[in-house]
Amino acid sequence: MSMTWRGLRRRRAVVLIGAAFLGAGIGRPAAVSGQYSDAALMGPPAPASASNLDNPAGIPDLSRIAPPAKDAGGLSASIKILVLLTVLSLTPSILIMVTSFTRILVVLALLRQALGTQQLPPSQVLTGLALIMTILVMAPTWQKMKAEGVDPYMDGKLSQAEAFDRSAAPLREFMFRQIEAAGNEESIYIFSEYARGPLPDGDELRRDNVGLVELIPAFVLSELKTAFVMGFRIYLPFLVIDMVIASILISMGMMMLPPVLISLPFKLMLFVLADGWGLVVGSLLNSFG
């Protein structure tokens, strides 16, 4: 009986609380209890501005920075900005293709494989070393480009096309010099004949007739060929050590022992005693002389 009376009391309490809420007006529609509605408390909505109606997405206005291309001058300025942004996005690729970076990085990577040290030195270290060496090698060329093309253009003495041609001249000279020093002139003919067709018998290409579109891939092929030749010369002494260690292990009957595991300390000792890093870096720098 006590449990029944308690249940009835609880039900009466719930009914009384519900009646109190209904009496206070909670749950009524806004039209009935207007004094308690949010619209009445907040007041009338603020009128929407013209800018919000015209630009619902909230895109920033760049008309002051880049004026709309309503005439030929505005269209030319827009195209120049587009070209500039494209060149900036392709700067890493340009740095790799038209500088000494390719040869240096490939040779250093082949040296690491010849040593057999797996991921030592790390790729970040080799890339950083190759980048610093590239800056040292290309510094004279970049100074000429700045003095002959960039500075006159910034002073307003040259147009954009003339500044580009004058700035590209020292870089073209560098690429032609490296191709001719390595004896890889045939790489230029490969791309020139593909772009223009077979050359007449007895005709020779001149530097002025070779465009950057043909010169840059020819330069990359020449650099790869030169880098592989240097890597082959680096591989030879380490290959001899591997062969000697392998023959000794086979003669001793230790065929289950990996020869690389035994030859690695000897290769490291030989490389350090011969100042291998100094020889390789010095040879790379002198190869661009």
C-alpha atoms as a PDB file:
ATOM      1  CA  MET A   1       0.000   0.000   0.000  1.00  0.00           C
ATOM      2  CA  SER A   2       2.825   2.361   0.751  1.00  0.00           C
ATOM      3  CA  MET A   3       4.294   1.779  -2.715  1.00  0.00           C
ATOM      4  CA  THR A   4       0.886   2.511  -4.295  1.00  0.00           C
ATOM      5  CA  TRP A   5       0.421   5.774  -2.418  1.00  0.00           C
ATOM      6  CA  ARG A   6       3.942   6.879  -3.352  1.00  0.00           C
ATOM      7  CA  GLY A   7       3.255   6.192  -7.024  1.00  0.00           C
ATOM      8  CA  LEU A   8       0.033   8.182  -6.898  1.00  0.00           C
ATOM      9  CA  ARG A   9       1.808  11.111  -5.221  1.00  0.00           C
ATOM     10  CA  ARG A  10       4.470  11.124  -7.919  1.00  0.00           C
ATOM     11  CA  ARG A  11       1.841  11.127 -10.654  1.00  0.00           C
ATOM     12  CA  ARG A  12       0.016  14.033  -8.998  1.00  0.00           C
ATOM     13  CA  ALA A  13       3.275  15.984  -8.739  1.00  0.00           C
ATOM     14  CA  VAL A  14       3.990  15.477 -12.452  1.00  0.00           C
ATOM     15  CA  VAL A  15       0.444  16.582 -13.368  1.00  0.00           C
ATOM     16  CA  LEU A  16       0.734  19.735 -11.231  1.00  0.00           C
ATOM     17  CA  ILE A  17       4.106  20.654 -12.736  1.00  0.00           C
ATOM     18  CA  GLY A  18       2.745  20.189 -16.250  1.00  0.00           C
ATOM     19  CA  ALA A  19      -0.234  22.382 -15.492  1.00  0.00           C
ATOM     20  CA  ALA A  20       2.049  25.080 -14.103  1.00  0.00           C
ATOM     21  CA  PHE A  21       4.123  25.116 -17.325  1.00  0.00           C
ATOM     22  CA  LEU A  22       1.037  25.301 -19.474  1.00  0.00           C
ATOM     23  CA  GLY A  23      -0.268  28.159 -17.390  1.00  0.00           C
ATOM     24  CA  ALA A  24       2.958  30.098 -17.852  1.00  0.00           C
ATOM     25  CA  GLY A  25       2.501  29.971 -21.616  1.00  0.00           C
ATOM     26  CA  ILE A  26       5.418  27.671 -22.460  1.00  0.00           C
ATOM     27  CA  GLY A  27       4.801  25.711 -25.610  1.00  0.00           C
ATOM     28  CA  ARG A  28       2.257  28.195 -27.026  1.00  0.00           C
ATOM     29  CA  PRO A  29       2.670  29.338 -30.623  1.00  0.00           C
ATOM     30  CA  ALA A  30       4.247  32.701 -31.278  1.00  0.00           C
ATOM     31  CA  ALA A  31       0.969  34.136 -32.506  1.00  0.00           C
ATOM     32  CA  VAL A  32      -0.696  33.498 -29.123  1.00  0.00           C
ATOM     33  CA  SER A  33       2.099  34.432 -26.714  1.00  0.00           C
ATOM     34  CA  GLY A  34       3.675  37.240 -28.694  1.00  0.00           C
ATOM     35  CA  GLN A  35       5.254  38.910 -25.665  1.00  0.00           C
ATOM     36  CA  TYR A  36       7.471  35.895 -25.091  1.00  0.00           C
ATOM     37  CA  SER A  37       8.507  35.289 -28.738  1.00  0.00           C
ATOM     38  CA  ASP A  38      12.052  35.890 -29.955  1.00  0.00           C
ATOM     39  CA  ALA A  39      10.814  38.241 -32.638  1.00  0.00           C
ATOM     40  CA  ALA A  40       9.274  40.504 -30.034  1.00  0.00           C
ATOM     41  CA  LEU A  41      12.393  40.493 -27.895  1.00  0.00           C
ATOM     42  CA  MET A  42      14.871  41.020 -30.733  1.00  0.00           C
ATOM     43  CA  GLY A  43      12.839  43.597 -32.581  1.00  0.00           C
ATOM     44  CA  PRO A  44      12.403  43.857 -36.365  1.00  0.00           C
ATOM     45  CA  PRO A  45      15.160  42.255 -38.510  1.00  0.00           C
ATOM     46  CA  ALA A  46      17.899  44.507 -39.838  1.00  0.00           C
ATOM     47  CA  PRO A  47      17.675  45.229 -43.538  1.00  0.00           C
ATOM     48  CA  ALA A  48      20.199  43.323 -45.693  1.00  0.00           C
ATOM     49  CA  SER A  49      22.942  45.489 -47.150  1.00  0.00           C
ATOM     50  CA  ALA A  50      23.523  45.734 -50.865  1.00  0.00           C
ATOM     51  CA  SER A  51      27.003  44.181 -50.599  1.00  0.00           C
ATOM     52  CA  ASN A  52      25.588  41.063 -48.925  1.00  0.00           C
ATOM     53  CA  LEU A  53      23.003  40.693 -51.644  1.00  0.00           C
ATOM     54  CA  ASP A  54      25.553  41.182 -54.453  1.00  0.00           C
ATOM     55  CA  ASN A  55      28.214  38.952 -52.867  1.00  0.00           C
ATOM     56  CA  PRO A  56      26.486  36.192 -50.884  1.00  0.00           C
ATOM     57  CA  ALA A  57      29.639  34.003 -50.888  1.00  0.00           C
ATOM     58  CA  GLY A  58      31.754  36.696 -49.223  1.00  0.00           C
ATOM     59  CA  ILE A  59      34.507  36.693 -51.891  1.00  0.00           C
ATOM     60  CA  PRO A  60      37.022  39.536 -51.251  1.00  0.00           C
ATOM     61  CA  ASP A  61      37.145  42.401 -53.710  1.00  0.00           C
ATOM     62  CA  LEU A  62      40.445  42.398 -55.634  1.00  0.00           C
ATOM     63  CA  SER A  63      39.530  45.083 -58.134  1.00  0.00           C
ATOM     64  CA  ARG A  64      41.918  47.561 -56.512  1.00  0.00           C
ATOM     65  CA  ILE A  65      44.868  45.164 -56.733  1.00  0.00           C
ATOM     66  CA  ALA A  66      44.118  43.651 -60.157  1.00  0.00           C
ATOM     67  CA  PRO A  67      41.863  45.961 -62.211  1.00  0.00           C
ATOM     68  CA  PRO A  68      39.275  44.277 -64.437  1.00  0.00           C
ATOM     69  CA  ALA A  69      40.365  43.599 -68.000  1.00  0.00           C
ATOM     70  CA  LYS A  70      37.937  45.972 -69.748  1.00  0.00           C
ATOM     71  CA  ASP A  71      40.392  47.049 -72.447  1.00  0.00           C
ATOM     72  CA  ALA A  72      43.589  45.852 -74.125  1.00  0.00           C
ATOM     73  CA  GLY A  73      45.780  47.291 -71.361  1.00  0.00           C
ATOM     74  CA  GLY A  74      43.849  45.533 -68.615  1.00  0.00           C
ATOM     75  CA  LEU A  75      43.923  42.253 -70.536  1.00  0.00           C
ATOM     76  CA  SER A  76      47.696  42.541 -71.012  1.00  0.00           C
ATOM     77  CA  ALA A  77      48.200  43.179 -67.286  1.00  0.00           C
ATOM     78  CA  SER A  78      46.056  40.165 -66.393  1.00  0.00           C
ATOM     79  CA  ILE A  79      48.033  37.931 -68.758  1.00  0.00           C
ATOM     80  CA  LYS A  80      51.322  39.165 -67.271  1.00  0.00           C
ATOM     81  CA  ILE A  81      50.111  38.348 -63.764  1.00  0.00           C
ATOM     82  CA  LEU A  82      49.025  34.882 -64.917  1.00  0.00           C
ATOM     83  CA  VAL A  83      52.403  34.236 -66.561  1.00  0.00           C
ATOM     84  CA  LEU A  84      54.255  35.429 -63.472  1.00  0.00           C
ATOM     85  CA  LEU A  85      52.267  33.142 -61.171  1.00  0.00           C
ATOM     86  CA  THR A  86      52.845  30.223 -63.552  1.00  0.00           C
ATOM     87  CA  VAL A  87      56.600  30.825 -63.585  1.00  0.00           C
ATOM     88  CA  LEU A  88      56.690  31.042 -59.779  1.00  0.00           C
ATOM     89  CA  SER A  89      54.839  27.737 -59.474  1.00  0.00           C
ATOM     90  CA  LEU A  90      57.312  26.089 -61.877  1.00  0.00           C
ATOM     91  CA  THR A  91      60.401  27.506 -60.161  1.00  0.00           C
ATOM     92  CA  PRO A  92      61.423  24.176 -58.525  1.00  0.00           C
ATOM     93  CA  SER A  93      61.236  22.367 -61.873  1.00  0.00           C
ATOM     94  CA  ILE A  94      63.171  25.142 -63.590  1.00  0.00           C
ATOM     95  CA  LEU A  95      65.833  24.988 -60.883  1.00  0.00           C
ATOM     96  CA  ILE A  96      66.255  21.266 -61.504  1.00  0.00           C
ATOM     97  CA  MET A  97      66.301  21.394 -65.308  1.00  0.00           C
ATOM     98  CA  VAL A  98      68.463  24.401 -66.178  1.00  0.00           C
ATOM     99  CA  THR A  99      71.094  24.296 -63.418  1.00  0.00           C
ATOM    100  CA  SER A 100      73.786  21.951 -62.171  1.00  0.00           C
ATOM    101  CA  PHE A 101      71.437  20.442 -59.592  1.00  0.00           C
ATOM    102  CA  THR A 102      70.637  17.327 -61.645  1.00  0.00           C
ATOM    103  CA  ARG A 103      74.236  16.202 -62.117  1.00  0.00           C
ATOM    104  CA  ILE A 104      75.218  16.820 -58.497  1.00  0.00           C
ATOM    105  CA  LEU A 105      72.224  15.033 -56.984  1.00  0.00           C
ATOM    106  CA  VAL A 106      72.501  11.989 -59.277  1.00  0.00           C
ATOM    107  CA  VAL A 107      76.207  11.559 -58.539  1.00  0.00           C
ATOM    108  CA  LEU A 108      75.660  11.828 -54.781  1.00  0.00           C
ATOM    109  CA  ALA A 109      72.827   9.293 -54.953  1.00  0.00           C
ATOM    110  CA  LEU A 110      75.002   6.855 -56.919  1.00  0.00           C
ATOM    111  CA  LEU A 111      77.782   7.328 -54.364  1.00  0.00           C
ATOM    112  CA  ARG A 112      75.421   6.337 -51.564  1.00  0.00           C
ATOM    113  CA  GLN A 113      74.391   3.214 -53.464  1.00  0.00           C
ATOM    114  CA  ALA A 114      78.020   2.309 -54.160  1.00  0.00           C
ATOM    115  CA  LEU A 115      78.820   2.542 -50.457  1.00  0.00           C
ATOM    116  CA  GLY A 116      75.877   0.282 -49.678  1.00  0.00           C
ATOM    117  CA  THR A 117      74.792   2.311 -46.654  1.00  0.00           C
ATOM    118  CA  GLN A 118      71.089   2.109 -47.556  1.00  0.00           C
ATOM    119  CA  GLN A 119      69.598   5.439 -46.397  1.00  0.00           C
ATOM    120  CA  LEU A 120      72.776   7.015 -45.002  1.00  0.00           C
ATOM    121  CA  PRO A 121      73.363   9.887 -45.565  1.00  0.00           C
ATOM    122  CA  PRO A 122      69.639  10.764 -45.583  1.00  0.00           C
ATOM    123  CA  SER A 123      68.059  12.093 -48.742  1.00  0.00           C
ATOM    124  CA  GLN A 124      67.476  15.474 -47.074  1.00  0.00           C
ATOM    125  CA  VAL A 125      71.207  15.836 -46.433  1.00  0.00           C
ATOM    126  CA  LEU A 126      72.138  14.958 -50.011  1.00  0.00           C
ATOM    127  CA  THR A 127      69.495  17.305 -51.417  1.00  0.00           C
ATOM    128  CA  GLY A 128      70.668  20.158 -49.179  1.00  0.00           C
ATOM    129  CA  LEU A 129      74.297  19.589 -50.147  1.00  0.00           C
ATOM    130  CA  ALA A 130      73.335  19.489 -53.831  1.00  0.00           C
ATOM    131  CA  LEU A 131      71.368  22.732 -53.447  1.00  0.00           C
ATOM    132  CA  ILE A 132      74.273  24.565 -51.774  1.00  0.00           C
ATOM    133  CA  MET A 133      76.696  23.350 -54.449  1.00  0.00           C
ATOM    134  CA  THR A 134      74.235  24.441 -57.137  1.00  0.00           C
ATOM    135  CA  ILE A 135      74.164  27.953 -55.681  1.00  0.00           C
ATOM    136  CA  LEU A 136      77.969  28.091 -55.716  1.00  0.00           C
ATOM    137  CA  VAL A 137      78.198  26.861 -59.313  1.00  0.00           C
ATOM    138  CA  MET A 138      75.387  29.018 -60.685  1.00  0.00           C
ATOM    139  CA  ALA A 139      76.239  32.237 -58.793  1.00  0.00           C
ATOM    140  CA  PRO A 140      78.288  33.818 -61.655  1.00  0.00           C
ATOM    141  CA  THR A 141      75.575  33.005 -64.186  1.00  0.00           C
ATOM    142  CA  TRP A 142      72.838  34.419 -61.978  1.00  0.00           C
ATOM    143  CA  GLN A 143      74.839  37.604 -61.416  1.00  0.00           C
ATOM    144  CA  LYS A 144      75.150  38.099 -65.178  1.00  0.00           C
ATOM    145  CA  MET A 145      71.433  37.496 -65.623  1.00  0.00           C
ATOM    146  CA  LYS A 146      70.652  40.087 -62.972  1.00  0.00           C
ATOM    147  CA  ALA A 147      73.077  42.680 -64.342  1.00  0.00           C
ATOM    148  CA  GLU A 148      72.109  42.305 -68.012  1.00  0.00           C
ATOM    149  CA  GLY A 149      68.369  41.752 -67.797  1.00  0.00           C
ATOM    150  CA  VAL A 150      66.737  42.175 -64.404  1.00  0.00           C
ATOM    151  CA  ASP A 151      68.312  45.467 -63.296  1.00  0.00           C
ATOM    152  CA  PRO A 152      67.659  47.331 -66.597  1.00  0.00           C
ATOM    153  CA  TYR A 153      64.082  46.048 -66.576  1.00  0.00           C
ATOM    154  CA  MET A 154      63.525  47.245 -63.014  1.00  0.00           C
ATOM    155  CA  ASP A 155      64.920  50.663 -64.020  1.00  0.00           C
ATOM    156  CA  GLY A 156      62.474  50.866 -66.907  1.00  0.00           C
ATOM    157  CA  LYS A 157      65.154  50.712 -69.616  1.00  0.00           C
ATOM    158  CA  LEU A 158      63.990  47.444 -71.185  1.00  0.00           C
ATOM    159  CA  SER A 159      60.662  45.938 -72.078  1.00  0.00           C
ATOM    160  CA  GLN A 160      59.589  42.622 -70.670  1.00  0.00           C
ATOM    161  CA  ALA A 161      60.482  40.697 -73.846  1.00  0.00           C
ATOM    162  CA  GLU A 162      63.911  42.302 -74.134  1.00  0.00           C
ATOM    163  CA  ALA A 163      64.615  41.684 -70.450  1.00  0.00           C
ATOM    164  CA  PHE A 164      63.706  38.018 -70.866  1.00  0.00           C
ATOM    165  CA  ASP A 165      66.007  37.584 -73.865  1.00  0.00           C
ATOM    166  CA  ARG A 166      68.932  39.290 -72.152  1.00  0.00           C
ATOM    167  CA  SER A 167      68.404  37.385 -68.925  1.00  0.00           C
ATOM    168  CA  ALA A 168      68.238  34.071 -70.761  1.00  0.00           C
ATOM    169  CA  ALA A 169      71.477  34.706 -72.692  1.00  0.00           C
ATOM    170  CA  PRO A 170      73.897  33.864 -69.799  1.00  0.00           C
ATOM    171  CA  LEU A 171      71.838  30.788 -68.930  1.00  0.00           C
ATOM    172  CA  ARG A 172      71.916  29.629 -72.552  1.00  0.00           C
ATOM    173  CA  GLU A 173      75.675  30.141 -72.588  1.00  0.00           C
ATOM    174  CA  PHE A 174      76.040  27.976 -69.465  1.00  0.00           C
ATOM    175  CA  MET A 175      73.952  25.144 -70.916  1.00  0.00           C
ATOM    176  CA  PHE A 176      75.741  25.214 -74.281  1.00  0.00           C
ATOM    177  CA  ARG A 177      79.127  25.195 -72.543  1.00  0.00           C
ATOM    178  CA  GLN A 178      78.252  22.126 -70.466  1.00  0.00           C
ATOM    179  CA  ILE A 179      76.852  20.256 -73.457  1.00  0.00           C
ATOM    180  CA  GLU A 180      79.923  20.963 -75.575  1.00  0.00           C
ATOM    181  CA  ALA A 181      82.342  20.151 -72.743  1.00  0.00           C
ATOM    182  CA  ALA A 182      80.721  16.716 -72.331  1.00  0.00           C
ATOM    183  CA  GLY A 183      80.592  16.129 -76.097  1.00  0.00           C
ATOM    184  CA  ASN A 184      76.817  15.625 -76.106  1.00  0.00           C
ATOM    185  CA  GLU A 185      75.902  17.854 -79.045  1.00  0.00           C
ATOM    186  CA  GLU A 186      73.847  15.027 -80.546  1.00  0.00           C
ATOM    187  CA  SER A 187      71.228  15.560 -77.841  1.00  0.00           C
ATOM    188  CA  ILE A 188      70.503  18.998 -79.319  1.00  0.00           C
ATOM    189  CA  TYR A 189      70.032  17.497 -82.779  1.00  0.00           C
ATOM    190  CA  ILE A 190      67.585  14.937 -81.371  1.00  0.00           C
ATOM    191  CA  PHE A 191      65.112  17.560 -80.190  1.00  0.00           C
ATOM    192  CA  SER A 192      65.786  20.017 -83.015  1.00  0.00           C
ATOM    193  CA  GLU A 193      65.096  17.422 -85.699  1.00  0.00           C
ATOM    194  CA  TYR A 194      61.979  16.281 -83.892  1.00  0.00           C
ATOM    195  CA  ALA A 195      60.663  19.853 -83.707  1.00  0.00           C
ATOM    196  CA  ARG A 196      61.692  21.007 -87.194  1.00  0.00           C
ATOM    197  CA  GLY A 197      62.171  17.818 -89.178  1.00  0.00           C
ATOM    198  CA  PRO A 198      65.394  16.376 -90.608  1.00  0.00           C
ATOM    199  CA  LEU A 199      68.069  18.939 -91.378  1.00  0.00           C
ATOM    200  CA  PRO A 200      69.351  19.249 -94.947  1.00  0.00           C
ATOM    201  CA  ASP A 201      72.669  17.569 -95.674  1.00  0.00           C
ATOM    202  CA  GLY A 202      75.621  19.732 -94.742  1.00  0.00           C
ATOM    203  CA  ASP A 203      73.632  22.087 -92.503  1.00  0.00           C
ATOM    204  CA  GLU A 204      74.733  22.636 -88.920  1.00  0.00           C
ATOM    205  CA  LEU A 205      72.808  24.079 -86.041  1.00  0.00           C
ATOM    206  CA  ARG A 206      73.985  27.351 -84.599  1.00  0.00           C
ATOM    207  CA  ARG A 207      73.395  28.538 -81.089  1.00  0.00           C
ATOM    208  CA  ASP A 208      71.130  31.347 -82.233  1.00  0.00           C
ATOM    209  CA  ASN A 209      68.864  28.877 -84.042  1.00  0.00           C
ATOM    210  CA  VAL A 210      68.302  26.666 -80.994  1.00  0.00           C
ATOM    211  CA  GLY A 211      65.384  27.699 -78.786  1.00  0.00           C
ATOM    212  CA  LEU A 212      64.968  27.097 -75.090  1.00  0.00           C
ATOM    213  CA  VAL A 213      62.330  24.442 -75.757  1.00  0.00           C
ATOM    214  CA  GLU A 214      64.976  22.393 -77.579  1.00  0.00           C
ATOM    215  CA  LEU A 215      67.956  23.391 -75.447  1.00  0.00           C
ATOM    216  CA  ILE A 216      66.561  22.587 -71.991  1.00  0.00           C
ATOM    217  CA  PRO A 217      65.736  18.876 -72.600  1.00  0.00           C
ATOM    218  CA  ALA A 218      69.043  18.468 -74.445  1.00  0.00           C
ATOM    219  CA  PHE A 219      70.839  19.926 -71.440  1.00  0.00           C
ATOM    220  CA  VAL A 220      69.000  17.539 -69.081  1.00  0.00           C
ATOM    221  CA  LEU A 221      70.013  14.531 -71.206  1.00  0.00           C
ATOM    222  CA  SER A 222      73.620  15.725 -71.266  1.00  0.00           C
ATOM    223  CA  GLU A 223      73.655  16.162 -67.493  1.00  0.00           C
ATOM    224  CA  LEU A 224      72.215  12.687 -66.929  1.00  0.00           C
ATOM    225  CA  LYS A 225      74.802  11.122 -69.221  1.00  0.00           C
ATOM    226  CA  THR A 226      77.656  12.963 -67.519  1.00  0.00           C
ATOM    227  CA  ALA A 227      76.328  12.046 -64.054  1.00  0.00           C
ATOM    228  CA  PHE A 228      76.125   8.350 -64.939  1.00  0.00           C
ATOM    229  CA  VAL A 229      79.663   8.366 -66.294  1.00  0.00           C
ATOM    230  CA  MET A 230      80.929   9.912 -63.057  1.00  0.00           C
ATOM    231  CA  GLY A 231      78.877   7.427 -61.049  1.00  0.00           C
ATOM    232  CA  PHE A 232      80.425   4.520 -62.956  1.00  0.00           C
ATOM    233  CA  ARG A 233      83.901   5.723 -62.060  1.00  0.00           C
ATOM    234  CA  ILE A 234      82.875   6.020 -58.410  1.00  0.00           C
ATOM    235  CA  TYR A 235      81.397   2.508 -58.416  1.00  0.00           C
ATOM    236  CA  LEU A 236      84.574   0.742 -59.641  1.00  0.00           C
ATOM    237  CA  PRO A 237      86.702   0.738 -56.434  1.00  0.00           C
ATOM    238  CA  PHE A 238      83.744  -0.298 -54.286  1.00  0.00           C
ATOM    239  CA  LEU A 239      82.858  -3.046 -56.761  1.00  0.00           C
ATOM    240  CA  VAL A 240      86.406  -4.407 -56.522  1.00  0.00           C
ATOM    241  CA  ILE A 241      86.141  -4.541 -52.736  1.00  0.00           C
ATOM    242  CA  ASP A 242      82.810  -6.412 -52.946  1.00  0.00           C
ATOM    243  CA  MET A 243      84.285  -8.960 -55.375  1.00  0.00           C
ATOM    244  CA  VAL A 244      87.362  -9.560 -53.218  1.00  0.00           C
ATOM    245  CA  ILE A 245      85.296 -10.043 -50.050  1.00  0.00           C
ATOM    246  CA  ALA A 246      82.851 -12.345 -51.862  1.00  0.00           C
ATOM    247  CA  SER A 247      85.662 -14.534 -53.247  1.00  0.00           C
ATOM    248  CA  ILE A 248      87.294 -14.795 -49.809  1.00  0.00           C
ATOM    249  CA  LEU A 249      84.026 -15.842 -48.177  1.00  0.00           C
ATOM    250  CA  ILE A 250      83.362 -18.463 -50.849  1.00  0.00           C
ATOM    251  CA  SER A 251      86.872 -19.882 -50.509  1.00  0.00           C
ATOM    252  CA  MET A 252      86.343 -20.158 -46.733  1.00  0.00           C
ATOM    253  CA  GLY A 253      83.011 -21.903 -47.206  1.00  0.00           C
ATOM    254  CA  MET A 254      80.975 -19.057 -45.676  1.00  0.00           C
ATOM    255  CA  MET A 255      78.424 -18.911 -48.452  1.00  0.00           C
ATOM    256  CA  MET A 256      75.551 -18.127 -46.085  1.00  0.00           C
ATOM    257  CA  LEU A 257      77.201 -14.929 -44.829  1.00  0.00           C
ATOM    258  CA  PRO A 258      76.222 -11.852 -46.916  1.00  0.00           C
ATOM    259  CA  PRO A 259      79.335 -10.339 -48.532  1.00  0.00           C
ATOM    260  CA  VAL A 260      77.871  -6.824 -48.227  1.00  0.00           C
ATOM    261  CA  LEU A 261      77.835  -7.137 -44.455  1.00  0.00           C
ATOM    262  CA  ILE A 262      81.573  -7.807 -44.409  1.00  0.00           C
ATOM    263  CA  SER A 263      82.607  -5.407 -47.164  1.00  0.00           C
ATOM    264  CA  LEU A 264      80.762  -2.368 -45.747  1.00  0.00           C
ATOM    265  CA  PRO A 265      83.317  -1.578 -43.003  1.00  0.00           C
ATOM    266  CA  PHE A 266      86.201  -1.906 -45.494  1.00  0.00           C
ATOM    267  CA  LYS A 267      84.474   0.398 -47.988  1.00  0.00           C
ATOM    268  CA  LEU A 268      83.806   2.982 -45.305  1.00  0.00           C
ATOM    269  CA  MET A 269      87.407   2.797 -44.100  1.00  0.00           C
ATOM    270  CA  LEU A 270      88.754   3.195 -47.652  1.00  0.00           C
ATOM    271  CA  PHE A 271      86.383   6.065 -48.381  1.00  0.00           C
ATOM    272  CA  VAL A 272      87.323   7.957 -45.221  1.00  0.00           C
ATOM    273  CA  LEU A 273      91.078   7.379 -45.575  1.00  0.00           C
ATOM    274  CA  ALA A 274      91.014   8.585 -49.174  1.00  0.00           C
ATOM    275  CA  ASP A 275      88.954  11.689 -48.221  1.00  0.00           C
ATOM    276  CA  GLY A 276      86.187  10.484 -50.477  1.00  0.00           C
ATOM    277  CA  TRP A 277      83.722  13.288 -49.789  1.00  0.00           C
ATOM    278  CA  GLY A 278      86.326  15.907 -50.607  1.00  0.00           C
ATOM    279  CA  LEU A 279      87.316  14.127 -53.825  1.00  0.00           C
ATOM    280  CA  VAL A 280      83.733  13.669 -55.010  1.00  0.00           C
ATOM    281  CA  VAL A 281      82.616  17.208 -54.180  1.00  0.00           C
ATOM    282  CA  GLY A 282      85.773  18.705 -55.652  1.00  0.00           C
ATOM    283  CA  SER A 283      85.371  16.685 -58.855  1.00  0.00           C
ATOM    284  CA  LEU A 284      81.764  17.824 -59.181  1.00  0.00           C
ATOM    285  CA  LEU A 285      82.629  21.476 -58.734  1.00  0.00           C
ATOM    286  CA  ASN A 286      85.560  21.274 -61.175  1.00  0.00           C
ATOM    287  CA  SER A 287      83.418  19.529 -63.771  1.00  0.00           C
ATOM    288  CA  PHE A 288      81.475  22.765 -64.287  1.00  0.00           C
ATOM    289  CA  GLY A 289      84.580  24.876 -64.887  1.00  0.00           C
END
